[in-house]
Amino acid sequence: MAIGFPVLPDQWDYLVHFTGRARSKSSSVPAEIRRKTARERFDGILEEGAIHAFRPYGGGPPVVSFTEAVQSSLEHLIEADQFEPWGLVFAKSTVYAEGGGPVWYVRDDLHQQVPSALRGWAVRTTDPSVSGRGTSRWTHEREWRVPGTGDPLQFGFALAGLHAVIVPQSEFSSVEAGLDRDVQSLNTRLEQLGRRQLRHTEAPRVWMWNSSRKRLWDFRRFGDGGNGLAGR
């Protein structure tokens, strides 16, 4: 990753949008979406090629949220049941190019000073020594957001722009088969348009969640085995 400065062990190039979490859904999310399982939302996003945007906790315009947590932190978030092991992985550059960026973790006493037009980027952060009702501590999520665009408001993406998906190991076969069909369908359309087709190596990777080992594994598709995410 050539970015011109040292990359620390807790940094990498990727952002993950999980499709299910333990925390209750925002009231801005329609009931029909709140009722869906993480798998159903995952399938719907892949089918549409878009993630719908909704108002975040704390207010502000509709956004799509991601985490820049690295592998060890993703594993902790899943193991702690904060997120379900269903997600979509994008390069940071892909999200940044669409207007996305990291949120601002702002002290309680400064949060109200953030202009309303920028409030969607600010996450209220409580004094670590304070506990109880009304506290707000979300720095562990290392959140990025991208404002929704279009009608309906959403973050749209091409299959070639999707780096990987996160799935439970038990669901790997069905998800891989679906991705293969999507790639074949896309390549058929590209061939008809006289455009370069997607190579196998450019297809989305599959990061499997092994619940017994509490690990994410990058299944290297097309016969070259599996490994951790280090090679990505």
Protein backbone atom coordinates (compact mmCIF):
# COMPACT_ATOMS: atom_id res chain seq x y z
CA MET A 1 0.00 0.00 0.00
CA ALA A 2 1.92 3.03 -1.23
CA ILE A 3 0.66 5.96 0.81
CA GLY A 4 3.93 7.68 1.70
CA PHE A 5 3.95 7.15 5.46
CA PRO A 6 4.34 4.17 7.81
CA VAL A 7 1.35 1.84 8.17
CA LEU A 8 0.75 0.74 11.76
CA PRO A 9 -0.40 -2.78 12.73
CA ASP A 10 -3.89 -1.42 13.47
CA GLN A 11 -4.29 0.18 10.03
CA TRP A 12 -5.14 -1.23 6.63
CA ASP A 13 -6.78 -0.37 3.33
CA TYR A 14 -10.28 -1.71 3.96
CA LEU A 15 -13.69 -0.75 5.27
CA VAL A 16 -16.47 -3.15 6.26
CA HIS A 17 -20.21 -2.57 6.18
CA PHE A 18 -21.91 -5.17 8.40
CA THR A 19 -25.52 -6.02 7.56
CA GLY A 20 -26.55 -7.08 11.07
CA ARG A 21 -25.75 -6.00 14.62
CA ALA A 22 -27.01 -6.54 18.14
CA ARG A 23 -27.82 -2.89 18.69
CA SER A 24 -31.38 -1.90 17.84
CA LYS A 25 -31.85 -0.34 14.44
CA SER A 26 -32.33 3.40 14.05
CA SER A 27 -35.96 4.49 13.87
CA SER A 28 -35.12 6.05 10.48
CA VAL A 29 -34.73 2.55 9.04
CA PRO A 30 -38.06 1.32 7.57
CA ALA A 31 -39.74 -1.51 9.45
CA GLU A 32 -39.53 -3.90 6.49
CA ILE A 33 -35.72 -3.57 6.51
CA ARG A 34 -35.48 -3.84 10.31
CA ARG A 35 -37.41 -7.14 10.14
CA LYS A 36 -34.97 -8.72 7.69
CA THR A 37 -32.17 -11.01 8.80
CA ALA A 38 -28.53 -10.07 8.23
CA ARG A 39 -28.41 -12.64 5.40
CA GLU A 40 -31.51 -11.18 3.74
CA ARG A 41 -30.06 -7.67 3.88
CA PHE A 42 -26.73 -8.99 2.56
CA ASP A 43 -28.45 -10.72 -0.38
CA GLY A 44 -30.55 -7.64 -1.13
CA ILE A 45 -27.51 -5.36 -1.20
CA LEU A 46 -25.66 -7.63 -3.62
CA GLU A 47 -28.74 -7.91 -5.83
CA GLU A 48 -29.26 -4.13 -5.95
CA GLY A 49 -25.59 -3.16 -6.04
CA ALA A 50 -26.38 -0.53 -3.42
CA ILE A 51 -26.52 0.06 0.34
CA HIS A 52 -29.38 2.30 1.39
CA ALA A 53 -28.53 5.36 3.49
CA PHE A 54 -30.34 6.32 6.71
CA ARG A 55 -30.02 8.98 9.37
CA PRO A 56 -27.34 8.05 11.92
CA TYR A 57 -27.74 8.03 15.68
CA GLY A 58 -27.30 11.60 16.90
CA GLY A 59 -28.93 13.10 13.80
CA GLY A 60 -27.72 14.39 10.49
CA PRO A 61 -28.41 13.57 6.85
CA PRO A 62 -28.68 9.94 5.69
CA VAL A 63 -25.38 8.07 5.48
CA VAL A 64 -23.97 4.57 5.04
CA SER A 65 -21.64 3.46 7.82
CA PHE A 66 -18.49 1.34 7.74
CA THR A 67 -15.77 0.32 10.18
CA GLU A 68 -12.05 0.54 9.44
CA ALA A 69 -11.32 -2.07 12.14
CA VAL A 70 -8.49 -4.43 11.18
CA GLN A 71 -8.76 -8.24 11.23
CA SER A 72 -8.18 -8.75 14.97
CA SER A 73 -10.71 -6.05 15.83
CA LEU A 74 -13.27 -7.38 13.35
CA GLU A 75 -12.93 -10.78 14.96
CA HIS A 76 -13.52 -9.25 18.39
CA LEU A 77 -16.56 -7.29 17.21
CA ILE A 78 -18.10 -10.46 15.77
CA GLU A 79 -17.15 -12.69 18.71
CA ALA A 80 -18.60 -10.16 21.17
CA ASP A 81 -21.89 -10.37 19.23
CA GLN A 82 -21.83 -6.67 18.39
CA PHE A 83 -22.03 -7.52 14.68
CA GLU A 84 -23.20 -10.59 12.79
CA PRO A 85 -20.67 -12.19 10.38
CA TRP A 86 -22.30 -10.83 7.25
CA GLY A 87 -20.62 -7.88 5.58
CA LEU A 88 -19.25 -6.18 2.49
CA VAL A 89 -15.64 -5.03 2.24
CA PHE A 90 -14.49 -2.04 0.17
CA ALA A 91 -11.16 -0.31 -0.33
CA LYS A 92 -10.99 2.98 1.55
CA SER A 93 -10.20 4.73 -1.73
CA THR A 94 -13.51 3.50 -3.18
CA VAL A 95 -15.54 4.99 -0.34
CA TYR A 96 -13.46 8.18 -0.19
CA ALA A 97 -14.00 8.77 -3.92
CA GLU A 98 -17.78 8.78 -3.26
CA GLY A 99 -17.48 11.48 -0.59
CA GLY A 100 -16.86 9.24 2.42
CA GLY A 101 -14.42 9.67 5.29
CA PRO A 102 -13.81 8.96 8.98
CA VAL A 103 -16.25 10.36 11.51
CA TRP A 104 -15.17 12.91 14.11
CA TYR A 105 -15.24 11.67 17.69
CA VAL A 106 -16.11 14.90 19.50
CA ARG A 107 -16.16 15.69 23.24
CA ASP A 108 -19.61 16.04 24.80
CA ASP A 109 -19.08 19.73 25.52
CA LEU A 110 -18.05 20.48 21.93
CA HIS A 111 -20.61 18.36 20.10
CA GLN A 112 -23.32 21.02 20.08
CA GLN A 113 -20.86 23.50 18.59
CA VAL A 114 -20.57 21.43 15.41
CA PRO A 115 -22.60 23.21 12.68
CA SER A 116 -25.84 21.42 11.91
CA ALA A 117 -24.76 20.92 8.29
CA LEU A 118 -21.77 18.89 9.53
CA ARG A 119 -23.46 17.15 12.47
CA GLY A 120 -23.70 13.90 10.54
CA TRP A 121 -19.92 13.55 10.72
CA ALA A 122 -19.71 14.05 14.49
CA VAL A 123 -20.08 11.29 17.10
CA ARG A 124 -20.53 12.48 20.68
CA THR A 125 -17.84 11.09 22.99
CA THR A 126 -18.23 11.06 26.78
CA ASP A 127 -15.53 11.52 29.42
CA PRO A 128 -14.07 8.00 30.02
CA SER A 129 -14.39 8.47 33.79
CA VAL A 130 -18.17 8.97 33.55
CA SER A 131 -20.56 6.02 33.53
CA GLY A 132 -24.31 5.48 33.45
CA ARG A 133 -27.21 6.65 31.34
CA GLY A 134 -26.48 9.14 28.58
CA THR A 135 -22.85 8.19 28.01
CA SER A 136 -21.64 7.82 24.44
CA ARG A 137 -18.53 5.79 23.64
CA TRP A 138 -18.13 4.45 20.12
CA THR A 139 -14.46 5.03 19.28
CA HIS A 140 -13.89 1.26 19.19
CA GLU A 141 -16.05 1.07 16.04
CA ARG A 142 -13.59 3.27 14.11
CA GLU A 143 -16.43 4.45 11.91
CA TRP A 144 -16.40 5.89 8.42
CA ARG A 145 -19.49 7.34 6.77
CA VAL A 146 -20.46 8.23 3.22
CA PRO A 147 -23.46 10.50 2.47
CA GLY A 148 -26.22 8.85 0.47
CA THR A 149 -26.80 10.01 -3.09
CA GLY A 150 -29.52 9.45 -5.68
CA ASP A 151 -33.16 8.51 -5.17
CA PRO A 152 -33.48 6.64 -2.92
CA LEU A 153 -30.40 7.84 -1.04
CA GLN A 154 -27.77 5.12 -1.17
CA PHE A 155 -24.15 4.12 -1.72
CA GLY A 156 -24.04 2.37 -5.07
CA PHE A 157 -21.19 0.13 -6.17
CA ALA A 158 -20.10 -2.04 -9.07
CA LEU A 159 -19.21 -5.69 -8.50
CA ALA A 160 -15.65 -4.88 -9.57
CA GLY A 161 -15.48 -2.30 -6.76
CA LEU A 162 -16.37 -4.83 -4.06
CA HIS A 163 -13.15 -6.15 -2.54
CA ALA A 164 -14.61 -8.99 -0.47
CA VAL A 165 -17.61 -10.26 1.46
CA ILE A 166 -17.75 -11.59 5.02
CA VAL A 167 -19.89 -14.70 5.55
CA PRO A 168 -20.20 -17.50 8.12
CA GLN A 169 -18.21 -20.55 7.09
CA SER A 170 -21.40 -22.62 7.10
CA GLU A 171 -22.83 -20.39 4.34
CA PHE A 172 -19.71 -20.20 2.22
CA SER A 173 -20.79 -22.53 -0.60
CA SER A 174 -24.09 -20.80 -1.31
CA VAL A 175 -22.54 -17.32 -1.23
CA GLU A 176 -19.62 -18.31 -3.47
CA ALA A 177 -22.01 -19.86 -6.00
CA GLY A 178 -24.06 -16.66 -6.04
CA LEU A 179 -20.97 -14.50 -6.56
CA ASP A 180 -19.84 -16.73 -9.42
CA ARG A 181 -23.24 -16.30 -11.08
CA ASP A 182 -23.01 -12.51 -10.62
CA VAL A 183 -19.54 -12.43 -12.19
CA GLN A 184 -20.68 -14.56 -15.13
CA SER A 185 -23.72 -12.33 -15.66
CA LEU A 186 -21.59 -9.18 -15.51
CA ASN A 187 -19.07 -10.60 -17.98
CA THR A 188 -21.85 -11.51 -20.39
CA ARG A 189 -23.06 -7.88 -20.35
CA LEU A 190 -19.49 -6.57 -20.73
CA GLU A 191 -18.88 -8.87 -23.70
CA GLN A 192 -22.06 -7.61 -25.37
CA LEU A 193 -20.81 -4.04 -24.88
CA GLY A 194 -17.38 -4.90 -26.25
CA ARG A 195 -15.72 -4.06 -22.91
CA ARG A 196 -13.05 -5.93 -20.99
CA GLN A 197 -14.48 -8.68 -18.82
CA LEU A 198 -13.79 -9.12 -15.14
CA ARG A 199 -10.86 -11.44 -14.48
CA HIS A 200 -11.18 -14.16 -11.86
CA THR A 201 -8.57 -12.39 -9.73
CA GLU A 202 -10.70 -9.23 -9.77
CA ALA A 203 -13.82 -10.96 -8.45
CA PRO A 204 -14.77 -10.29 -4.80
CA ARG A 205 -12.93 -12.43 -2.28
CA VAL A 206 -14.71 -14.35 0.46
CA TRP A 207 -13.68 -13.79 4.08
CA MET A 208 -15.15 -16.68 6.08
CA TRP A 209 -15.97 -16.44 9.79
CA ASN A 210 -14.91 -19.62 11.58
CA SER A 211 -17.02 -19.57 14.76
CA SER A 212 -15.04 -22.33 16.51
CA ARG A 213 -11.65 -20.70 15.96
CA LYS A 214 -13.06 -17.18 16.24
CA ARG A 215 -11.19 -16.16 13.12
CA LEU A 216 -11.76 -14.66 9.71
CA TRP A 217 -10.16 -16.51 6.82
CA ASP A 218 -9.65 -15.26 3.27
CA PHE A 219 -10.70 -18.12 1.02
CA ARG A 220 -8.43 -17.72 -1.99
CA ARG A 221 -10.83 -18.54 -4.74
CA PHE A 222 -10.28 -20.64 -7.86
CA GLY A 223 -8.27 -23.45 -6.26
CA ASP A 224 -5.41 -21.72 -4.45
CA GLY A 225 -6.44 -22.61 -0.88
CA GLY A 226 -7.31 -20.54 2.18
CA ASN A 227 -5.37 -18.34 4.56
CA GLY A 228 -5.69 -15.53 7.05
CA LEU A 229 -6.29 -11.99 5.80
CA ALA A 230 -2.61 -11.00 5.86
CA GLY A 231 -2.18 -11.53 2.12
CA ARG A 232 -5.62 -10.02 1.34
